[in-house]
Amino acid sequence: MNQDSGKHRGKRLLKGGRPAVRQALYMAALVAARHNPVIREFYQRLRQAGKPAKVAITASMRKILVILNAMLKNPTHWNPKLHLAA
C-alpha cells in the first residue's frame, strides 16, 4: 500500500493478501536467504545493489511464490540447477 499524495512519496507498506500466507512466505524467505543457494544468491545480489533488507526479503518471497507456482503448474520437483539458470 503506498502513501503517496501529490509530490509526497512515502514508504510502501505490505498489507494486502492473506496474512497467514504472507507470514509463512516471510519465514520461508528468511530461511532461504541463508540456506537455499538460489534464493541466497538472489537476496545477496539485491543487497549489494543497495536495496534495504526488507525489500530484498519481500522480493525473495515473490521469487519463492513464482517458483512454487511453476512447480505446481508443470508437476516437477525442486531442481536448483533449473532455477539458477532462470
PDB file of N, CA and C in Angstrom:
ATOM      1  N   MET A   1       0.848  -1.167   0.000  1.00  0.00           N
ATOM      2  CA  MET A   1       0.000   0.000   0.000  1.00  0.00           C
ATOM      3  C   MET A   1       0.898   1.236   0.000  1.00  0.00           C
ATOM      4  N   ASN A   2       0.718   2.090  -0.959  1.00  0.00           N
ATOM      5  CA  ASN A   2       1.548   3.285  -0.989  1.00  0.00           C
ATOM      6  C   ASN A   2       0.890   4.411  -0.195  1.00  0.00           C
ATOM      7  N   GLN A   3       1.704   5.364   0.208  1.00  0.00           N
ATOM      8  CA  GLN A   3       1.215   6.530   0.936  1.00  0.00           C
ATOM      9  C   GLN A   3       1.678   7.778   0.191  1.00  0.00           C
ATOM     10  N   ASP A   4       1.300   7.874  -1.080  1.00  0.00           N
ATOM     11  CA  ASP A   4       1.692   8.990  -1.922  1.00  0.00           C
ATOM     12  C   ASP A   4       0.537   9.986  -2.037  1.00  0.00           C
ATOM     13  N   SER A   5       0.881  11.244  -2.058  1.00  0.00           N
ATOM     14  CA  SER A   5      -0.107  12.286  -2.251  1.00  0.00           C
ATOM     15  C   SER A   5       0.584  13.464  -2.908  1.00  0.00           C
ATOM     16  N   GLY A   6       0.204  13.792  -4.123  1.00  0.00           N
ATOM     17  CA  GLY A   6       0.849  14.896  -4.829  1.00  0.00           C
ATOM     18  C   GLY A   6       2.307  14.585  -5.066  1.00  0.00           C
ATOM     19  N   LYS A   7       3.187  15.475  -4.604  1.00  0.00           N
ATOM     20  CA  LYS A   7       4.625  15.260  -4.775  1.00  0.00           C
ATOM     21  C   LYS A   7       5.223  14.439  -3.643  1.00  0.00           C
ATOM     22  N   HIS A   8       4.460  14.243  -2.572  1.00  0.00           N
ATOM     23  CA  HIS A   8       4.942  13.473  -1.420  1.00  0.00           C
ATOM     24  C   HIS A   8       5.048  11.997  -1.791  1.00  0.00           C
ATOM     25  N   ARG A   9       6.174  11.388  -1.467  1.00  0.00           N
ATOM     26  CA  ARG A   9       6.370   9.967  -1.706  1.00  0.00           C
ATOM     27  C   ARG A   9       6.774   9.327  -0.382  1.00  0.00           C
ATOM     28  N   GLY A  10       5.906   8.487   0.160  1.00  0.00           N
ATOM     29  CA  GLY A  10       6.190   7.834   1.430  1.00  0.00           C
ATOM     30  C   GLY A  10       6.613   6.398   1.229  1.00  0.00           C
ATOM     31  N   LYS A  11       6.867   5.719   2.322  1.00  0.00           N
ATOM     32  CA  LYS A  11       7.239   4.313   2.259  1.00  0.00           C
ATOM     33  C   LYS A  11       6.009   3.483   1.946  1.00  0.00           C
ATOM     34  N   ARG A  12       6.241   2.379   1.270  1.00  0.00           N
ATOM     35  CA  ARG A  12       5.149   1.465   0.978  1.00  0.00           C
ATOM     36  C   ARG A  12       5.019   0.462   2.118  1.00  0.00           C
ATOM     37  N   LEU A  13       3.814   0.015   2.345  1.00  0.00           N
ATOM     38  CA  LEU A  13       3.541  -0.975   3.373  1.00  0.00           C
ATOM     39  C   LEU A  13       2.989  -2.229   2.727  1.00  0.00           C
ATOM     40  N   LEU A  14       3.339  -3.367   3.277  1.00  0.00           N
ATOM     41  CA  LEU A  14       2.825  -4.631   2.785  1.00  0.00           C
ATOM     42  C   LEU A  14       1.632  -5.013   3.648  1.00  0.00           C
ATOM     43  N   LYS A  15       0.424  -4.772   3.128  1.00  0.00           N
ATOM     44  CA  LYS A  15      -0.780  -5.038   3.893  1.00  0.00           C
ATOM     45  C   LYS A  15      -1.742  -5.967   3.157  1.00  0.00           C
ATOM     46  N   GLY A  16      -1.615  -6.063   1.839  1.00  0.00           N
ATOM     47  CA  GLY A  16      -2.584  -6.823   1.056  1.00  0.00           C
ATOM     48  C   GLY A  16      -2.398  -8.323   1.182  1.00  0.00           C
ATOM     49  N   GLY A  17      -3.367  -9.053   0.697  1.00  0.00           N
ATOM     50  CA  GLY A  17      -3.277 -10.513   0.674  1.00  0.00           C
ATOM     51  C   GLY A  17      -3.698 -11.154   1.982  1.00  0.00           C
ATOM     52  N   ARG A  18      -3.403 -12.434   2.066  1.00  0.00           N
ATOM     53  CA  ARG A  18      -3.770 -13.209   3.245  1.00  0.00           C
ATOM     54  C   ARG A  18      -2.615 -13.205   4.243  1.00  0.00           C
ATOM     55  N   PRO A  19      -2.872 -12.757   5.473  1.00  0.00           N
ATOM     56  CA  PRO A  19      -1.788 -12.640   6.459  1.00  0.00           C
ATOM     57  C   PRO A  19      -1.073 -13.964   6.743  1.00  0.00           C
ATOM     58  N   ALA A  20      -1.792 -15.066   6.841  1.00  0.00           N
ATOM     59  CA  ALA A  20      -1.154 -16.350   7.167  1.00  0.00           C
ATOM     60  C   ALA A  20      -0.189 -16.774   6.062  1.00  0.00           C
ATOM     61  N   VAL A  21      -0.593 -16.587   4.808  1.00  0.00           N
ATOM     62  CA  VAL A  21       0.271 -16.942   3.680  1.00  0.00           C
ATOM     63  C   VAL A  21       1.482 -16.011   3.657  1.00  0.00           C
ATOM     64  N   ARG A  22       1.250 -14.723   3.885  1.00  0.00           N
ATOM     65  CA  ARG A  22       2.339 -13.749   3.881  1.00  0.00           C
ATOM     66  C   ARG A  22       3.349 -14.062   4.986  1.00  0.00           C
ATOM     67  N   GLN A  23       2.869 -14.429   6.167  1.00  0.00           N
ATOM     68  CA  GLN A  23       3.768 -14.768   7.271  1.00  0.00           C
ATOM     69  C   GLN A  23       4.574 -16.027   6.965  1.00  0.00           C
ATOM     70  N   ALA A  24       3.925 -17.026   6.372  1.00  0.00           N
ATOM     71  CA  ALA A  24       4.629 -18.267   6.022  1.00  0.00           C
ATOM     72  C   ALA A  24       5.696 -17.991   4.958  1.00  0.00           C
ATOM     73  N   LEU A  25       5.359 -17.182   3.960  1.00  0.00           N
ATOM     74  CA  LEU A  25       6.340 -16.839   2.921  1.00  0.00           C
ATOM     75  C   LEU A  25       7.490 -16.028   3.499  1.00  0.00           C
ATOM     76  N   TYR A  26       7.200 -15.150   4.450  1.00  0.00           N
ATOM     77  CA  TYR A  26       8.254 -14.338   5.061  1.00  0.00           C
ATOM     78  C   TYR A  26       9.258 -15.229   5.776  1.00  0.00           C
ATOM     79  N   MET A  27       8.764 -16.168   6.579  1.00  0.00           N
ATOM     80  CA  MET A  27       9.675 -17.064   7.302  1.00  0.00           C
ATOM     81  C   MET A  27      10.450 -17.949   6.328  1.00  0.00           C
ATOM     82  N   ALA A  28       9.772 -18.427   5.279  1.00  0.00           N
ATOM     83  CA  ALA A  28      10.455 -19.247   4.275  1.00  0.00           C
ATOM     84  C   ALA A  28      11.548 -18.445   3.573  1.00  0.00           C
ATOM     85  N   ALA A  29      11.281 -17.186   3.290  1.00  0.00           N
ATOM     86  CA  ALA A  29      12.271 -16.340   2.617  1.00  0.00           C
ATOM     87  C   ALA A  29      13.458 -16.050   3.529  1.00  0.00           C
ATOM     88  N   LEU A  30      13.213 -15.852   4.820  1.00  0.00           N
ATOM     89  CA  LEU A  30      14.317 -15.636   5.756  1.00  0.00           C
ATOM     90  C   LEU A  30      15.249 -16.839   5.799  1.00  0.00           C
ATOM     91  N   VAL A  31      14.664 -18.023   5.890  1.00  0.00           N
ATOM     92  CA  VAL A  31      15.462 -19.251   5.938  1.00  0.00           C
ATOM     93  C   VAL A  31      16.166 -19.470   4.601  1.00  0.00           C
ATOM     94  N   ALA A  32      15.451 -19.256   3.504  1.00  0.00           N
ATOM     95  CA  ALA A  32      16.025 -19.478   2.177  1.00  0.00           C
ATOM     96  C   ALA A  32      17.162 -18.506   1.895  1.00  0.00           C
ATOM     97  N   ALA A  33      17.076 -17.288   2.407  1.00  0.00           N
ATOM     98  CA  ALA A  33      18.136 -16.305   2.185  1.00  0.00           C
ATOM     99  C   ALA A  33      19.445 -16.740   2.837  1.00  0.00           C
ATOM    100  N   ARG A  34      19.369 -17.643   3.788  1.00  0.00           N
ATOM    101  CA  ARG A  34      20.580 -18.145   4.444  1.00  0.00           C
ATOM    102  C   ARG A  34      21.005 -19.510   3.933  1.00  0.00           C
ATOM    103  N   HIS A  35      20.047 -20.363   3.527  1.00  0.00           N
ATOM    104  CA  HIS A  35      20.386 -21.761   3.270  1.00  0.00           C
ATOM    105  C   HIS A  35      20.127 -22.255   1.853  1.00  0.00           C
ATOM    106  N   ASN A  36      19.268 -21.608   1.092  1.00  0.00           N
ATOM    107  CA  ASN A  36      18.963 -22.058  -0.262  1.00  0.00           C
ATOM    108  C   ASN A  36      19.873 -21.315  -1.236  1.00  0.00           C
ATOM    109  N   PRO A  37      20.675 -22.037  -2.022  1.00  0.00           N
ATOM    110  CA  PRO A  37      21.638 -21.341  -2.884  1.00  0.00           C
ATOM    111  C   PRO A  37      20.990 -20.424  -3.921  1.00  0.00           C
ATOM    112  N   VAL A  38      19.831 -20.780  -4.428  1.00  0.00           N
ATOM    113  CA  VAL A  38      19.160 -19.966  -5.443  1.00  0.00           C
ATOM    114  C   VAL A  38      18.677 -18.660  -4.840  1.00  0.00           C
ATOM    115  N   ILE A  39      17.955 -18.745  -3.742  1.00  0.00           N
ATOM    116  CA  ILE A  39      17.399 -17.552  -3.099  1.00  0.00           C
ATOM    117  C   ILE A  39      18.507 -16.736  -2.438  1.00  0.00           C
ATOM    118  N   ARG A  40      19.503 -17.410  -1.872  1.00  0.00           N
ATOM    119  CA  ARG A  40      20.610 -16.693  -1.234  1.00  0.00           C
ATOM    120  C   ARG A  40      21.336 -15.795  -2.244  1.00  0.00           C
ATOM    121  N   GLU A  41      21.619 -16.331  -3.429  1.00  0.00           N
ATOM    122  CA  GLU A  41      22.298 -15.554  -4.463  1.00  0.00           C
ATOM    123  C   GLU A  41      21.443 -14.363  -4.892  1.00  0.00           C
ATOM    124  N   PHE A  42      20.141 -14.595  -5.050  1.00  0.00           N
ATOM    125  CA  PHE A  42      19.204 -13.542  -5.429  1.00  0.00           C
ATOM    126  C   PHE A  42      19.157 -12.450  -4.363  1.00  0.00           C
ATOM    127  N   TYR A  43      19.039 -12.865  -3.098  1.00  0.00           N
ATOM    128  CA  TYR A  43      18.976 -11.924  -1.973  1.00  0.00           C
ATOM    129  C   TYR A  43      20.262 -11.108  -1.875  1.00  0.00           C
ATOM    130  N   GLN A  44      21.411 -11.774  -1.962  1.00  0.00           N
ATOM    131  CA  GLN A  44      22.688 -11.073  -1.843  1.00  0.00           C
ATOM    132  C   GLN A  44      22.904 -10.095  -2.996  1.00  0.00           C
ATOM    133  N   ARG A  45      22.461 -10.467  -4.189  1.00  0.00           N
ATOM    134  CA  ARG A  45      22.583  -9.565  -5.333  1.00  0.00           C
ATOM    135  C   ARG A  45      21.766  -8.287  -5.110  1.00  0.00           C
ATOM    136  N   LEU A  46      20.564  -8.438  -4.567  1.00  0.00           N
ATOM    137  CA  LEU A  46      19.742  -7.263  -4.275  1.00  0.00           C
ATOM    138  C   LEU A  46      20.371  -6.392  -3.199  1.00  0.00           C
ATOM    139  N   ARG A  47      20.902  -7.015  -2.152  1.00  0.00           N
ATOM    140  CA  ARG A  47      21.531  -6.256  -1.060  1.00  0.00           C
ATOM    141  C   ARG A  47      22.763  -5.511  -1.560  1.00  0.00           C
ATOM    142  N   GLN A  48      23.553  -6.145  -2.422  1.00  0.00           N
ATOM    143  CA  GLN A  48      24.746  -5.488  -2.957  1.00  0.00           C
ATOM    144  C   GLN A  48      24.376  -4.344  -3.889  1.00  0.00           C
ATOM    145  N   ALA A  49      23.171  -4.410  -4.462  1.00  0.00           N
ATOM    146  CA  ALA A  49      22.692  -3.332  -5.329  1.00  0.00           C
ATOM    147  C   ALA A  49      22.151  -2.163  -4.508  1.00  0.00           C
ATOM    148  N   GLY A  50      22.174  -2.291  -3.177  1.00  0.00           N
ATOM    149  CA  GLY A  50      21.757  -1.194  -2.318  1.00  0.00           C
ATOM    150  C   GLY A  50      20.325  -1.259  -1.842  1.00  0.00           C
ATOM    151  N   LYS A  51      19.633  -2.371  -2.087  1.00  0.00           N
ATOM    152  CA  LYS A  51      18.255  -2.494  -1.627  1.00  0.00           C
ATOM    153  C   LYS A  51      18.226  -2.738  -0.121  1.00  0.00           C
ATOM    154  N   PRO A  52      17.237  -2.173   0.574  1.00  0.00           N
ATOM    155  CA  PRO A  52      17.089  -2.462   2.009  1.00  0.00           C
ATOM    156  C   PRO A  52      16.761  -3.944   2.225  1.00  0.00           C
ATOM    157  N   ALA A  53      17.083  -4.435   3.417  1.00  0.00           N
ATOM    158  CA  ALA A  53      16.886  -5.854   3.720  1.00  0.00           C
ATOM    159  C   ALA A  53      15.430  -6.275   3.555  1.00  0.00           C
ATOM    160  N   LYS A  54      14.492  -5.450   4.015  1.00  0.00           N
ATOM    161  CA  LYS A  54      13.070  -5.801   3.907  1.00  0.00           C
ATOM    162  C   LYS A  54      12.639  -5.906   2.446  1.00  0.00           C
ATOM    163  N   VAL A  55      13.159  -5.031   1.602  1.00  0.00           N
ATOM    164  CA  VAL A  55      12.819  -5.064   0.184  1.00  0.00           C
ATOM    165  C   VAL A  55      13.361  -6.343  -0.442  1.00  0.00           C
ATOM    166  N   ALA A  56      14.586  -6.713  -0.087  1.00  0.00           N
ATOM    167  CA  ALA A  56      15.191  -7.931  -0.628  1.00  0.00           C
ATOM    168  C   ALA A  56      14.443  -9.176  -0.152  1.00  0.00           C
ATOM    169  N   ILE A  57      14.009  -9.178   1.100  1.00  0.00           N
ATOM    170  CA  ILE A  57      13.240 -10.324   1.615  1.00  0.00           C
ATOM    171  C   ILE A  57      11.892 -10.408   0.907  1.00  0.00           C
ATOM    172  N   THR A  58      11.239  -9.276   0.703  1.00  0.00           N
ATOM    173  CA  THR A  58       9.944  -9.262   0.015  1.00  0.00           C
ATOM    174  C   THR A  58      10.097  -9.756  -1.419  1.00  0.00           C
ATOM    175  N   ALA A  59      11.161  -9.359  -2.089  1.00  0.00           N
ATOM    176  CA  ALA A  59      11.417  -9.840  -3.445  1.00  0.00           C
ATOM    177  C   ALA A  59      11.693 -11.339  -3.429  1.00  0.00           C
ATOM    178  N   SER A  60      12.376 -11.818  -2.399  1.00  0.00           N
ATOM    179  CA  SER A  60      12.635 -13.251  -2.262  1.00  0.00           C
ATOM    180  C   SER A  60      11.337 -14.015  -2.030  1.00  0.00           C
ATOM    181  N   MET A  61      10.432 -13.416  -1.260  1.00  0.00           N
ATOM    182  CA  MET A  61       9.122 -14.035  -1.043  1.00  0.00           C
ATOM    183  C   MET A  61       8.407 -14.232  -2.375  1.00  0.00           C
ATOM    184  N   ARG A  62       8.439 -13.200  -3.197  1.00  0.00           N
ATOM    185  CA  ARG A  62       7.786 -13.285  -4.500  1.00  0.00           C
ATOM    186  C   ARG A  62       8.465 -14.324  -5.386  1.00  0.00           C
ATOM    187  N   LYS A  63       9.785 -14.381  -5.360  1.00  0.00           N
ATOM    188  CA  LYS A  63      10.512 -15.361  -6.172  1.00  0.00           C
ATOM    189  C   LYS A  63      10.145 -16.783  -5.747  1.00  0.00           C
ATOM    190  N   ILE A  64      10.062 -17.017  -4.436  1.00  0.00           N
ATOM    191  CA  ILE A  64       9.662 -18.340  -3.940  1.00  0.00           C
ATOM    192  C   ILE A  64       8.265 -18.681  -4.432  1.00  0.00           C
ATOM    193  N   LEU A  65       7.360 -17.714  -4.363  1.00  0.00           N
ATOM    194  CA  LEU A  65       5.987 -17.940  -4.807  1.00  0.00           C
ATOM    195  C   LEU A  65       5.921 -18.255  -6.298  1.00  0.00           C
ATOM    196  N   VAL A  66       6.691 -17.539  -7.105  1.00  0.00           N
ATOM    197  CA  VAL A  66       6.712 -17.786  -8.550  1.00  0.00           C
ATOM    198  C   VAL A  66       7.267 -19.180  -8.839  1.00  0.00           C
ATOM    199  N   ILE A  67       8.336 -19.564  -8.146  1.00  0.00           N
ATOM    200  CA  ILE A  67       8.921 -20.898  -8.342  1.00  0.00           C
ATOM    201  C   ILE A  67       7.926 -21.978  -7.944  1.00  0.00           C
ATOM    202  N   LEU A  68       7.268 -21.813  -6.799  1.00  0.00           N
ATOM    203  CA  LEU A  68       6.287 -22.813  -6.351  1.00  0.00           C
ATOM    204  C   LEU A  68       5.111 -22.920  -7.316  1.00  0.00           C
ATOM    205  N   ASN A  69       4.627 -21.795  -7.818  1.00  0.00           N
ATOM    206  CA  ASN A  69       3.530 -21.836  -8.789  1.00  0.00           C
ATOM    207  C   ASN A  69       3.946 -22.554 -10.060  1.00  0.00           C
ATOM    208  N   ALA A  70       5.177 -22.321 -10.520  1.00  0.00           N
ATOM    209  CA  ALA A  70       5.664 -23.009 -11.720  1.00  0.00           C
ATOM    210  C   ALA A  70       5.801 -24.508 -11.473  1.00  0.00           C
ATOM    211  N   MET A  71       6.242 -24.880 -10.269  1.00  0.00           N
ATOM    212  CA  MET A  71       6.369 -26.301  -9.938  1.00  0.00           C
ATOM    213  C   MET A  71       5.008 -26.982  -9.883  1.00  0.00           C
ATOM    214  N   LEU A  72       3.976 -26.270  -9.458  1.00  0.00           N
ATOM    215  CA  LEU A  72       2.629 -26.833  -9.421  1.00  0.00           C
ATOM    216  C   LEU A  72       2.014 -26.916 -10.818  1.00  0.00           C
ATOM    217  N   LYS A  73       2.275 -25.900 -11.639  1.00  0.00           N
ATOM    218  CA  LYS A  73       1.718 -25.880 -12.992  1.00  0.00           C
ATOM    219  C   LYS A  73       2.295 -27.012 -13.834  1.00  0.00           C
ATOM    220  N   ASN A  74       3.612 -27.177 -13.793  1.00  0.00           N
ATOM    221  CA  ASN A  74       4.295 -28.258 -14.510  1.00  0.00           C
ATOM    222  C   ASN A  74       4.805 -29.219 -13.450  1.00  0.00           C
ATOM    223  N   PRO A  75       4.052 -30.247 -13.116  1.00  0.00           N
ATOM    224  CA  PRO A  75       4.405 -31.098 -11.971  1.00  0.00           C
ATOM    225  C   PRO A  75       5.881 -31.526 -12.001  1.00  0.00           C
ATOM    226  N   THR A  76       6.697 -30.785 -11.274  1.00  0.00           N
ATOM    227  CA  THR A  76       8.122 -31.083 -11.197  1.00  0.00           C
ATOM    228  C   THR A  76       8.583 -31.000  -9.760  1.00  0.00           C
ATOM    229  N   HIS A  77       9.744 -31.535  -9.529  1.00  0.00           N
ATOM    230  CA  HIS A  77      10.373 -31.446  -8.220  1.00  0.00           C
ATOM    231  C   HIS A  77      11.364 -30.297  -8.243  1.00  0.00           C
ATOM    232  N   TRP A  78      11.836 -29.924  -7.067  1.00  0.00           N
ATOM    233  CA  TRP A  78      12.804 -28.834  -6.954  1.00  0.00           C
ATOM    234  C   TRP A  78      14.092 -29.237  -7.667  1.00  0.00           C
ATOM    235  N   ASN A  79      14.574 -28.355  -8.523  1.00  0.00           N
ATOM    236  CA  ASN A  79      15.834 -28.571  -9.223  1.00  0.00           C
ATOM    237  C   ASN A  79      16.606 -27.260  -9.193  1.00  0.00           C
ATOM    238  N   PRO A  80      17.594 -27.143  -8.292  1.00  0.00           N
ATOM    239  CA  PRO A  80      18.303 -25.874  -8.169  1.00  0.00           C
ATOM    240  C   PRO A  80      19.024 -25.458  -9.445  1.00  0.00           C
ATOM    241  N   LYS A  81      19.504 -26.396 -10.234  1.00  0.00           N
ATOM    242  CA  LYS A  81      20.185 -26.046 -11.479  1.00  0.00           C
ATOM    243  C   LYS A  81      19.220 -25.364 -12.454  1.00  0.00           C
ATOM    244  N   LEU A  82      17.986 -25.816 -12.474  1.00  0.00           N
ATOM    245  CA  LEU A  82      16.980 -25.210 -13.344  1.00  0.00           C
ATOM    246  C   LEU A  82      16.687 -23.784 -12.900  1.00  0.00           C
ATOM    247  N   HIS A  83      16.561 -23.558 -11.605  1.00  0.00           N
ATOM    248  CA  HIS A  83      16.202 -22.237 -11.094  1.00  0.00           C
ATOM    249  C   HIS A  83      17.388 -21.281 -11.065  1.00  0.00           C
ATOM    250  N   LEU A  84      18.614 -21.813 -11.010  1.00  0.00           N
ATOM    251  CA  LEU A  84      19.774 -20.940 -11.084  1.00  0.00           C
ATOM    252  C   LEU A  84      19.903 -20.334 -12.475  1.00  0.00           C
ATOM    253  N   ALA A  85      19.475 -21.062 -13.494  1.00  0.00           N
ATOM    254  CA  ALA A  85      19.571 -20.583 -14.858  1.00  0.00           C
ATOM    255  C   ALA A  85      18.523 -19.507 -15.128  1.00  0.00           C
ATOM    256  N   ALA A  86      17.427 -19.530 -14.399  1.00  0.00           N
ATOM    257  CA  ALA A  86      16.337 -18.569 -14.661  1.00  0.00           C
ATOM    258  C   ALA A  86      16.651 -17.199 -14.162  1.00  0.00           C
TER     259      ALA A  86
END
